């Protein structure tokens, strides 16, 4: 079986810090709902890690999706909820073959 691995790097954009806490929380809840939906649809969130230091980003999330299309749909849903407006990001896709 071949799985799609999605690696998502992110950091808040400067204007994120200008939002009040309630607005930030509401946006985070929307994004968490999308993550939960992807998991119900078969995705596996392998982990989320803090990577700040000599790196351009603050966090990295690693996911396993059954198809690249499922990973793309996950991203489309996040951007539909304005995630990319508030976070700078880089995404990578790879494949692994499980024994």
PDB file of N, CA and C in Angstrom:
ATOM      1  N   UNK A   1       0.838  -1.187   0.000  1.00  0.00           N
ATOM      2  CA  UNK A   1       0.000   0.000   0.000  1.00  0.00           C
ATOM      3  C   UNK A   1       0.880   1.247   0.000  1.00  0.00           C
ATOM      4  N   UNK A   2       0.545   2.219  -0.825  1.00  0.00           N
ATOM      5  CA  UNK A   2       1.272   3.478  -0.887  1.00  0.00           C
ATOM      6  C   UNK A   2       0.459   4.557  -0.190  1.00  0.00           C
ATOM      7  N   UNK A   3       1.098   5.264   0.722  1.00  0.00           N
ATOM      8  CA  UNK A   3       0.454   6.369   1.422  1.00  0.00           C
ATOM      9  C   UNK A   3       1.068   7.680   0.970  1.00  0.00           C
ATOM     10  N   UNK A   4       0.277   8.725   1.056  1.00  0.00           N
ATOM     11  CA  UNK A   4       0.741  10.065   0.768  1.00  0.00           C
ATOM     12  C   UNK A   4       1.107  10.720   2.099  1.00  0.00           C
ATOM     13  N   UNK A   5       2.305  11.223   2.193  1.00  0.00           N
ATOM     14  CA  UNK A   5       2.752  11.941   3.381  1.00  0.00           C
ATOM     15  C   UNK A   5       2.724  13.430   3.049  1.00  0.00           C
ATOM     16  N   UNK A   6       2.050  14.198   3.895  1.00  0.00           N
ATOM     17  CA  UNK A   6       1.956  15.643   3.721  1.00  0.00           C
ATOM     18  C   UNK A   6       2.703  16.298   4.871  1.00  0.00           C
ATOM     19  N   UNK A   7       3.680  17.126   4.545  1.00  0.00           N
ATOM     20  CA  UNK A   7       4.464  17.843   5.547  1.00  0.00           C
ATOM     21  C   UNK A   7       4.127  19.320   5.390  1.00  0.00           C
ATOM     22  N   UNK A   8       3.617  19.880   6.480  1.00  0.00           N
ATOM     23  CA  UNK A   8       3.133  21.263   6.457  1.00  0.00           C
ATOM     24  C   UNK A   8       3.915  22.110   7.463  1.00  0.00           C
ATOM     25  N   UNK A   9       4.658  23.081   6.944  1.00  0.00           N
ATOM     26  CA  UNK A   9       5.396  24.029   7.771  1.00  0.00           C
ATOM     27  C   UNK A   9       4.577  25.312   7.894  1.00  0.00           C
ATOM     28  N   UNK A  10       4.600  25.951   9.069  1.00  0.00           N
ATOM     29  CA  UNK A  10       3.812  27.180   9.232  1.00  0.00           C
ATOM     30  C   UNK A  10       4.416  28.098  10.289  1.00  0.00           C
ATOM     31  N   UNK A  11       4.051  29.369  10.164  1.00  0.00           N
ATOM     32  CA  UNK A  11       4.329  30.363  11.204  1.00  0.00           C
ATOM     33  C   UNK A  11       3.263  31.446  11.083  1.00  0.00           C
ATOM     34  N   UNK A  12       2.874  32.023  12.206  1.00  0.00           N
ATOM     35  CA  UNK A  12       1.888  33.097  12.143  1.00  0.00           C
ATOM     36  C   UNK A  12       2.429  34.295  11.365  1.00  0.00           C
ATOM     37  N   UNK A  13       1.548  34.897  10.577  1.00  0.00           N
ATOM     38  CA  UNK A  13       1.907  36.154   9.922  1.00  0.00           C
ATOM     39  C   UNK A  13       1.803  37.270  10.974  1.00  0.00           C
ATOM     40  N   UNK A  14       2.502  38.369  10.795  1.00  0.00           N
ATOM     41  CA  UNK A  14       2.491  39.418  11.831  1.00  0.00           C
ATOM     42  C   UNK A  14       1.095  39.901  12.227  1.00  0.00           C
ATOM     43  N   UNK A  15       0.176  40.001  11.279  1.00  0.00           N
ATOM     44  CA  UNK A  15      -1.151  40.523  11.622  1.00  0.00           C
ATOM     45  C   UNK A  15      -1.981  39.537  12.449  1.00  0.00           C
ATOM     46  N   UNK A  16      -1.551  38.271  12.547  1.00  0.00           N
ATOM     47  CA  UNK A  16      -2.218  37.301  13.428  1.00  0.00           C
ATOM     48  C   UNK A  16      -2.209  37.806  14.871  1.00  0.00           C
ATOM     49  N   UNK A  17      -1.097  38.403  15.253  1.00  0.00           N
ATOM     50  CA  UNK A  17      -0.930  38.859  16.634  1.00  0.00           C
ATOM     51  C   UNK A  17      -1.788  40.075  16.953  1.00  0.00           C
ATOM     52  N   UNK A  18      -2.331  40.722  15.938  1.00  0.00           N
ATOM     53  CA  UNK A  18      -3.229  41.850  16.152  1.00  0.00           C
ATOM     54  C   UNK A  18      -4.673  41.436  16.415  1.00  0.00           C
ATOM     55  N   UNK A  19      -4.971  40.156  16.189  1.00  0.00           N
ATOM     56  CA  UNK A  19      -6.328  39.662  16.446  1.00  0.00           C
ATOM     57  C   UNK A  19      -6.548  39.479  17.940  1.00  0.00           C
ATOM     58  N   UNK A  20      -7.770  39.722  18.367  1.00  0.00           N
ATOM     59  CA  UNK A  20      -8.072  39.450  19.771  1.00  0.00           C
ATOM     60  C   UNK A  20      -8.144  37.943  20.002  1.00  0.00           C
ATOM     61  N   UNK A  21      -8.034  37.550  21.254  1.00  0.00           N
ATOM     62  CA  UNK A  21      -7.963  36.129  21.600  1.00  0.00           C
ATOM     63  C   UNK A  21      -9.200  35.356  21.154  1.00  0.00           C
ATOM     64  N   UNK A  22     -10.373  35.964  21.261  1.00  0.00           N
ATOM     65  CA  UNK A  22     -11.613  35.282  20.867  1.00  0.00           C
ATOM     66  C   UNK A  22     -11.622  34.978  19.369  1.00  0.00           C
ATOM     67  N   UNK A  23     -11.148  35.903  18.568  1.00  0.00           N
ATOM     68  CA  UNK A  23     -11.103  35.693  17.114  1.00  0.00           C
ATOM     69  C   UNK A  23     -10.091  34.609  16.767  1.00  0.00           C
ATOM     70  N   UNK A  24      -8.917  34.658  17.397  1.00  0.00           N
ATOM     71  CA  UNK A  24      -7.924  33.605  17.171  1.00  0.00           C
ATOM     72  C   UNK A  24      -8.496  32.240  17.535  1.00  0.00           C
ATOM     73  N   UNK A  25      -9.166  32.162  18.666  1.00  0.00           N
ATOM     74  CA  UNK A  25      -9.740  30.897  19.118  1.00  0.00           C
ATOM     75  C   UNK A  25     -10.792  30.383  18.145  1.00  0.00           C
ATOM     76  N   UNK A  26     -11.634  31.269  17.637  1.00  0.00           N
ATOM     77  CA  UNK A  26     -12.671  30.867  16.673  1.00  0.00           C
ATOM     78  C   UNK A  26     -12.037  30.318  15.394  1.00  0.00           C
ATOM     79  N   UNK A  27     -11.005  30.984  14.900  1.00  0.00           N
ATOM     80  CA  UNK A  27     -10.321  30.494  13.700  1.00  0.00           C
ATOM     81  C   UNK A  27      -9.667  29.145  13.964  1.00  0.00           C
ATOM     82  N   UNK A  28      -8.994  29.005  15.105  1.00  0.00           N
ATOM     83  CA  UNK A  28      -8.352  27.730  15.444  1.00  0.00           C
ATOM     84  C   UNK A  28      -9.373  26.608  15.546  1.00  0.00           C
ATOM     85  N   UNK A  29     -10.537  26.888  16.094  1.00  0.00           N
ATOM     86  CA  UNK A  29     -11.594  25.860  16.189  1.00  0.00           C
ATOM     87  C   UNK A  29     -12.043  25.417  14.804  1.00  0.00           C
ATOM     88  N   UNK A  30     -12.214  26.369  13.888  1.00  0.00           N
ATOM     89  CA  UNK A  30     -12.597  26.016  12.516  1.00  0.00           C
ATOM     90  C   UNK A  30     -11.552  25.100  11.891  1.00  0.00           C
ATOM     91  N   UNK A  31     -10.285  25.429  12.069  1.00  0.00           N
ATOM     92  CA  UNK A  31      -9.203  24.623  11.489  1.00  0.00           C
ATOM     93  C   UNK A  31      -9.115  23.262  12.166  1.00  0.00           C
ATOM     94  N   UNK A  32      -9.354  23.226  13.477  1.00  0.00           N
ATOM     95  CA  UNK A  32      -9.364  21.935  14.182  1.00  0.00           C
ATOM     96  C   UNK A  32     -10.514  21.056  13.704  1.00  0.00           C
ATOM     97  N   UNK A  33     -11.654  21.669  13.386  1.00  0.00           N
ATOM     98  CA  UNK A  33     -12.791  20.908  12.840  1.00  0.00           C
ATOM     99  C   UNK A  33     -12.419  20.278  11.503  1.00  0.00           C
ATOM    100  N   UNK A  34     -11.693  21.008  10.684  1.00  0.00           N
ATOM    101  CA  UNK A  34     -11.247  20.484   9.385  1.00  0.00           C
ATOM    102  C   UNK A  34     -10.280  19.322   9.605  1.00  0.00           C
ATOM    103  N   UNK A  35      -9.369  19.472  10.539  1.00  0.00           N
ATOM    104  CA  UNK A  35      -8.431  18.388  10.842  1.00  0.00           C
ATOM    105  C   UNK A  35      -9.173  17.144  11.314  1.00  0.00           C
ATOM    106  N   UNK A  36     -10.161  17.341  12.179  1.00  0.00           N
ATOM    107  CA  UNK A  36     -10.951  16.209  12.682  1.00  0.00           C
ATOM    108  C   UNK A  36     -11.724  15.541  11.549  1.00  0.00           C
ATOM    109  N   UNK A  37     -12.263  16.321  10.634  1.00  0.00           N
ATOM    110  CA  UNK A  37     -12.976  15.757   9.483  1.00  0.00           C
ATOM    111  C   UNK A  37     -12.027  14.920   8.630  1.00  0.00           C
ATOM    112  N   UNK A  38     -10.837  15.423   8.379  1.00  0.00           N
ATOM    113  CA  UNK A  38      -9.867  14.654   7.590  1.00  0.00           C
ATOM    114  C   UNK A  38      -9.536  13.338   8.279  1.00  0.00           C
ATOM    115  N   UNK A  39      -9.399  13.371   9.601  1.00  0.00           N
ATOM    116  CA  UNK A  39      -9.124  12.134  10.339  1.00  0.00           C
ATOM    117  C   UNK A  39     -10.298  11.161  10.228  1.00  0.00           C
ATOM    118  N   UNK A  40     -11.511  11.662  10.299  1.00  0.00           N
ATOM    119  CA  UNK A  40     -12.685  10.781  10.134  1.00  0.00           C
ATOM    120  C   UNK A  40     -12.734  10.175   8.737  1.00  0.00           C
ATOM    121  N   UNK A  41     -12.177  10.893   7.775  1.00  0.00           N
ATOM    122  CA  UNK A  41     -12.171  10.421   6.393  1.00  0.00           C
ATOM    123  C   UNK A  41     -10.956   9.548   6.076  1.00  0.00           C
ATOM    124  N   UNK A  42     -10.153   9.207   7.090  1.00  0.00           N
ATOM    125  CA  UNK A  42      -9.064   8.255   6.891  1.00  0.00           C
ATOM    126  C   UNK A  42      -7.658   8.801   7.006  1.00  0.00           C
ATOM    127  N   UNK A  43      -7.515  10.102   7.175  1.00  0.00           N
ATOM    128  CA  UNK A  43      -6.174  10.668   7.339  1.00  0.00           C
ATOM    129  C   UNK A  43      -5.667  10.378   8.748  1.00  0.00           C
ATOM    130  N   UNK A  44      -4.357  10.369   8.880  1.00  0.00           N
ATOM    131  CA  UNK A  44      -3.733  10.180  10.189  1.00  0.00           C
ATOM    132  C   UNK A  44      -2.779  11.332  10.442  1.00  0.00           C
ATOM    133  N   UNK A  45      -3.026  12.055  11.524  1.00  0.00           N
ATOM    134  CA  UNK A  45      -2.108  13.127  11.926  1.00  0.00           C
ATOM    135  C   UNK A  45      -0.987  12.481  12.732  1.00  0.00           C
ATOM    136  N   UNK A  46       0.183  12.407  12.131  1.00  0.00           N
ATOM    137  CA  UNK A  46       1.313  11.740  12.771  1.00  0.00           C
ATOM    138  C   UNK A  46       1.853  12.584  13.914  1.00  0.00           C
ATOM    139  N   UNK A  47       1.903  13.885  13.731  1.00  0.00           N
ATOM    140  CA  UNK A  47       2.363  14.741  14.806  1.00  0.00           C
ATOM    141  C   UNK A  47       2.498  16.184  14.394  1.00  0.00           C
ATOM    142  N   UNK A  48       2.572  17.033  15.395  1.00  0.00           N
ATOM    143  CA  UNK A  48       2.812  18.460  15.219  1.00  0.00           C
ATOM    144  C   UNK A  48       3.984  18.825  16.115  1.00  0.00           C
ATOM    145  N   UNK A  49       4.976  19.516  15.545  1.00  0.00           N
ATOM    146  CA  UNK A  49       6.221  19.755  16.246  1.00  0.00           C
ATOM    147  C   UNK A  49       6.630  21.219  16.158  1.00  0.00           C
ATOM    148  N   UNK A  50       7.161  21.727  17.251  1.00  0.00           N
ATOM    149  CA  UNK A  50       7.715  23.074  17.289  1.00  0.00           C
ATOM    150  C   UNK A  50       9.138  23.013  16.736  1.00  0.00           C
ATOM    151  N   UNK A  51       9.460  23.845  15.738  1.00  0.00           N
ATOM    152  CA  UNK A  51      10.775  23.749  15.084  1.00  0.00           C
ATOM    153  C   UNK A  51      11.503  25.080  15.014  1.00  0.00           C
ATOM    154  N   UNK A  52      10.978  26.090  15.684  1.00  0.00           N
ATOM    155  CA  UNK A  52      11.590  27.423  15.575  1.00  0.00           C
ATOM    156  C   UNK A  52      13.046  27.378  16.015  1.00  0.00           C
ATOM    157  N   UNK A  53      13.837  28.194  15.499  1.00  0.00           N
ATOM    158  CA  UNK A  53      15.268  28.250  15.772  1.00  0.00           C
ATOM    159  C   UNK A  53      15.904  28.866  14.553  1.00  0.00           C
ATOM    160  N   UNK A  54      16.700  28.116  13.860  1.00  0.00           N
ATOM    161  CA  UNK A  54      17.299  28.587  12.623  1.00  0.00           C
ATOM    162  C   UNK A  54      16.473  28.150  11.427  1.00  0.00           C
ATOM    163  N   UNK A  55      15.187  28.153  11.584  1.00  0.00           N
ATOM    164  CA  UNK A  55      14.284  27.704  10.526  1.00  0.00           C
ATOM    165  C   UNK A  55      13.319  28.831  10.190  1.00  0.00           C
ATOM    166  N   UNK A  56      12.799  28.857   8.971  1.00  0.00           N
ATOM    167  CA  UNK A  56      11.870  29.899   8.547  1.00  0.00           C
ATOM    168  C   UNK A  56      10.487  29.757   9.177  1.00  0.00           C
ATOM    169  N   UNK A  57      10.184  28.595   9.716  1.00  0.00           N
ATOM    170  CA  UNK A  57       8.849  28.336  10.229  1.00  0.00           C
ATOM    171  C   UNK A  57       8.888  27.997  11.705  1.00  0.00           C
ATOM    172  N   UNK A  58       7.724  28.008  12.309  1.00  0.00           N
ATOM    173  CA  UNK A  58       7.605  27.761  13.745  1.00  0.00           C
ATOM    174  C   UNK A  58       7.184  26.335  14.069  1.00  0.00           C
ATOM    175  N   UNK A  59       6.326  25.775  13.228  1.00  0.00           N
ATOM    176  CA  UNK A  59       5.821  24.421  13.476  1.00  0.00           C
ATOM    177  C   UNK A  59       5.867  23.594  12.198  1.00  0.00           C
ATOM    178  N   UNK A  60       5.837  22.292  12.386  1.00  0.00           N
ATOM    179  CA  UNK A  60       5.678  21.367  11.270  1.00  0.00           C
ATOM    180  C   UNK A  60       4.642  20.328  11.689  1.00  0.00           C
ATOM    181  N   UNK A  61       3.696  20.070  10.803  1.00  0.00           N
ATOM    182  CA  UNK A  61       2.718  18.995  10.991  1.00  0.00           C
ATOM    183  C   UNK A  61       3.017  17.929   9.958  1.00  0.00           C
ATOM    184  N   UNK A  62       2.909  16.682  10.366  1.00  0.00           N
ATOM    185  CA  UNK A  62       3.107  15.573   9.437  1.00  0.00           C
ATOM    186  C   UNK A  62       1.836  14.739   9.438  1.00  0.00           C
ATOM    187  N   UNK A  63       1.317  14.502   8.247  1.00  0.00           N
ATOM    188  CA  UNK A  63       0.072  13.761   8.060  1.00  0.00           C
ATOM    189  C   UNK A  63       0.281  12.617   7.088  1.00  0.00           C
ATOM    190  N   UNK A  64      -0.539  11.593   7.205  1.00  0.00           N
ATOM    191  CA  UNK A  64      -0.608  10.507   6.238  1.00  0.00           C
ATOM    192  C   UNK A  64      -2.021  10.515   5.652  1.00  0.00           C
ATOM    193  N   UNK A  65      -2.102  10.598   4.339  1.00  0.00           N
ATOM    194  CA  UNK A  65      -3.382  10.547   3.615  1.00  0.00           C
ATOM    195  C   UNK A  65      -3.364   9.334   2.696  1.00  0.00           C
ATOM    196  N   UNK A  66      -4.534   8.818   2.373  1.00  0.00           N
ATOM    197  CA  UNK A  66      -4.594   7.639   1.506  1.00  0.00           C
ATOM    198  C   UNK A  66      -4.321   7.988   0.046  1.00  0.00           C
ATOM    199  N   UNK A  67      -4.549   9.245  -0.322  1.00  0.00           N
ATOM    200  CA  UNK A  67      -4.262   9.687  -1.692  1.00  0.00           C
ATOM    201  C   UNK A  67      -3.764  11.128  -1.659  1.00  0.00           C
ATOM    202  N   UNK A  68      -3.035  11.555  -2.682  1.00  0.00           N
ATOM    203  CA  UNK A  68      -2.649  12.963  -2.751  1.00  0.00           C
ATOM    204  C   UNK A  68      -3.863  13.878  -2.881  1.00  0.00           C
ATOM    205  N   UNK A  69      -4.910  13.371  -3.523  1.00  0.00           N
ATOM    206  CA  UNK A  69      -6.131  14.169  -3.665  1.00  0.00           C
ATOM    207  C   UNK A  69      -6.759  14.477  -2.307  1.00  0.00           C
ATOM    208  N   UNK A  70      -6.693  13.516  -1.385  1.00  0.00           N
ATOM    209  CA  UNK A  70      -7.229  13.735  -0.035  1.00  0.00           C
ATOM    210  C   UNK A  70      -6.416  14.811   0.690  1.00  0.00           C
ATOM    211  N   UNK A  71      -5.112  14.800   0.508  1.00  0.00           N
ATOM    212  CA  UNK A  71      -4.264  15.838   1.109  1.00  0.00           C
ATOM    213  C   UNK A  71      -4.603  17.205   0.513  1.00  0.00           C
ATOM    214  N   UNK A  72      -4.795  17.243  -0.795  1.00  0.00           N
ATOM    215  CA  UNK A  72      -5.157  18.491  -1.463  1.00  0.00           C
ATOM    216  C   UNK A  72      -6.501  19.004  -0.960  1.00  0.00           C
ATOM    217  N   UNK A  73      -7.476  18.121  -0.812  1.00  0.00           N
ATOM    218  CA  UNK A  73      -8.793  18.527  -0.303  1.00  0.00           C
ATOM    219  C   UNK A  73      -8.695  19.079   1.110  1.00  0.00           C
ATOM    220  N   UNK A  74      -7.856  18.479   1.932  1.00  0.00           N
ATOM    221  CA  UNK A  74      -7.618  18.980   3.285  1.00  0.00           C
ATOM    222  C   UNK A  74      -7.115  20.425   3.214  1.00  0.00           C
ATOM    223  N   UNK A  75      -6.137  20.662   2.350  1.00  0.00           N
ATOM    224  CA  UNK A  75      -5.581  22.000   2.209  1.00  0.00           C
ATOM    225  C   UNK A  75      -6.612  22.984   1.666  1.00  0.00           C
ATOM    226  N   UNK A  76      -7.410  22.563   0.709  1.00  0.00           N
ATOM    227  CA  UNK A  76      -8.453  23.426   0.147  1.00  0.00           C
ATOM    228  C   UNK A  76      -9.432  23.861   1.245  1.00  0.00           C
ATOM    229  N   UNK A  77      -9.787  22.934   2.118  1.00  0.00           N
ATOM    230  CA  UNK A  77     -10.702  23.271   3.216  1.00  0.00           C
ATOM    231  C   UNK A  77     -10.061  24.275   4.177  1.00  0.00           C
ATOM    232  N   UNK A  78      -8.784  24.083   4.494  1.00  0.00           N
ATOM    233  CA  UNK A  78      -8.098  25.036   5.383  1.00  0.00           C
ATOM    234  C   UNK A  78      -8.037  26.426   4.758  1.00  0.00           C
ATOM    235  N   UNK A  79      -7.670  26.502   3.490  1.00  0.00           N
ATOM    236  CA  UNK A  79      -7.586  27.815   2.850  1.00  0.00           C
ATOM    237  C   UNK A  79      -8.975  28.429   2.678  1.00  0.00           C
ATOM    238  N   UNK A  80     -10.002  27.600   2.543  1.00  0.00           N
ATOM    239  CA  UNK A  80     -11.371  28.109   2.483  1.00  0.00           C
ATOM    240  C   UNK A  80     -11.796  28.778   3.780  1.00  0.00           C
ATOM    241  N   UNK A  81     -11.133  28.405   4.865  1.00  0.00           N
ATOM    242  CA  UNK A  81     -11.380  29.023   6.176  1.00  0.00           C
ATOM    243  C   UNK A  81     -10.281  30.025   6.527  1.00  0.00           C
ATOM    244  N   UNK A  82      -9.599  30.557   5.501  1.00  0.00           N
ATOM    245  CA  UNK A  82      -8.662  31.671   5.610  1.00  0.00           C
ATOM    246  C   UNK A  82      -7.369  31.353   6.364  1.00  0.00           C
ATOM    247  N   UNK A  83      -7.035  30.082   6.489  1.00  0.00           N
ATOM    248  CA  UNK A  83      -5.796  29.714   7.178  1.00  0.00           C
ATOM    249  C   UNK A  83      -4.594  30.419   6.561  1.00  0.00           C
ATOM    250  N   UNK A  84      -4.512  30.417   5.241  1.00  0.00           N
ATOM    251  CA  UNK A  84      -3.364  30.991   4.543  1.00  0.00           C
ATOM    252  C   UNK A  84      -3.297  32.512   4.678  1.00  0.00           C
ATOM    253  N   UNK A  85      -4.389  33.139   5.073  1.00  0.00           N
ATOM    254  CA  UNK A  85      -4.381  34.574   5.324  1.00  0.00           C
ATOM    255  C   UNK A  85      -3.606  34.904   6.607  1.00  0.00           C
ATOM    256  N   UNK A  86      -3.666  33.998   7.564  1.00  0.00           N
ATOM    257  CA  UNK A  86      -3.104  34.250   8.891  1.00  0.00           C
ATOM    258  C   UNK A  86      -1.775  33.551   9.147  1.00  0.00           C
ATOM    259  N   UNK A  87      -1.413  32.575   8.303  1.00  0.00           N
ATOM    260  CA  UNK A  87      -0.175  31.823   8.499  1.00  0.00           C
ATOM    261  C   UNK A  87       0.615  31.738   7.203  1.00  0.00           C
ATOM    262  N   UNK A  88       1.911  32.013   7.302  1.00  0.00           N
ATOM    263  CA  UNK A  88       2.830  31.735   6.197  1.00  0.00           C
ATOM    264  C   UNK A  88       3.103  30.236   6.247  1.00  0.00           C
ATOM    265  N   UNK A  89       3.318  29.617   5.107  1.00  0.00           N
ATOM    266  CA  UNK A  89       3.397  28.157   5.078  1.00  0.00           C
ATOM    267  C   UNK A  89       4.234  27.657   3.918  1.00  0.00           C
ATOM    268  N   UNK A  90       4.593  26.396   4.009  1.00  0.00           N
ATOM    269  CA  UNK A  90       5.182  25.634   2.914  1.00  0.00           C
ATOM    270  C   UNK A  90       4.669  24.207   3.072  1.00  0.00           C
ATOM    271  N   UNK A  91       4.294  23.600   1.981  1.00  0.00           N
ATOM    272  CA  UNK A  91       3.790  22.229   2.000  1.00  0.00           C
ATOM    273  C   UNK A  91       4.664  21.334   1.130  1.00  0.00           C
ATOM    274  N   UNK A  92       4.872  20.119   1.592  1.00  0.00           N
ATOM    275  CA  UNK A  92       5.580  19.112   0.811  1.00  0.00           C
ATOM    276  C   UNK A  92       4.740  17.832   0.799  1.00  0.00           C
ATOM    277  N   UNK A  93       4.819  17.115  -0.305  1.00  0.00           N
ATOM    278  CA  UNK A  93       4.113  15.841  -0.455  1.00  0.00           C
ATOM    279  C   UNK A  93       5.153  14.787  -0.790  1.00  0.00           C
ATOM    280  N   UNK A  94       4.999  13.638  -0.184  1.00  0.00           N
ATOM    281  CA  UNK A  94       5.872  12.505  -0.481  1.00  0.00           C
ATOM    282  C   UNK A  94       5.068  11.224  -0.405  1.00  0.00           C
ATOM    283  N   UNK A  95       5.693  10.136  -0.760  1.00  0.00           N
ATOM    284  CA  UNK A  95       5.010   8.853  -0.747  1.00  0.00           C
ATOM    285  C   UNK A  95       5.851   7.833  -0.011  1.00  0.00           C
ATOM    286  N   UNK A  96       5.171   6.929   0.642  1.00  0.00           N
ATOM    287  CA  UNK A  96       5.837   5.841   1.328  1.00  0.00           C
ATOM    288  C   UNK A  96       5.115   4.561   0.963  1.00  0.00           C
ATOM    289  N   UNK A  97       5.845   3.505   0.867  1.00  0.00           N
ATOM    290  CA  UNK A  97       5.253   2.206   0.599  1.00  0.00           C
ATOM    291  C   UNK A  97       5.376   1.372   1.867  1.00  0.00           C
ATOM    292  N   UNK A  98       4.223   1.024   2.421  1.00  0.00           N
ATOM    293  CA  UNK A  98       4.212   0.203   3.640  1.00  0.00           C
ATOM    294  C   UNK A  98       4.381  -1.257   3.253  1.00  0.00           C
ATOM    295  N   UNK A  99       5.050  -2.047   4.104  1.00  0.00           N
ATOM    296  CA  UNK A  99       5.248  -3.461   3.789  1.00  0.00           C
ATOM    297  C   UNK A  99       3.947  -4.245   3.803  1.00  0.00           C
TER     298      UNK A  99
END
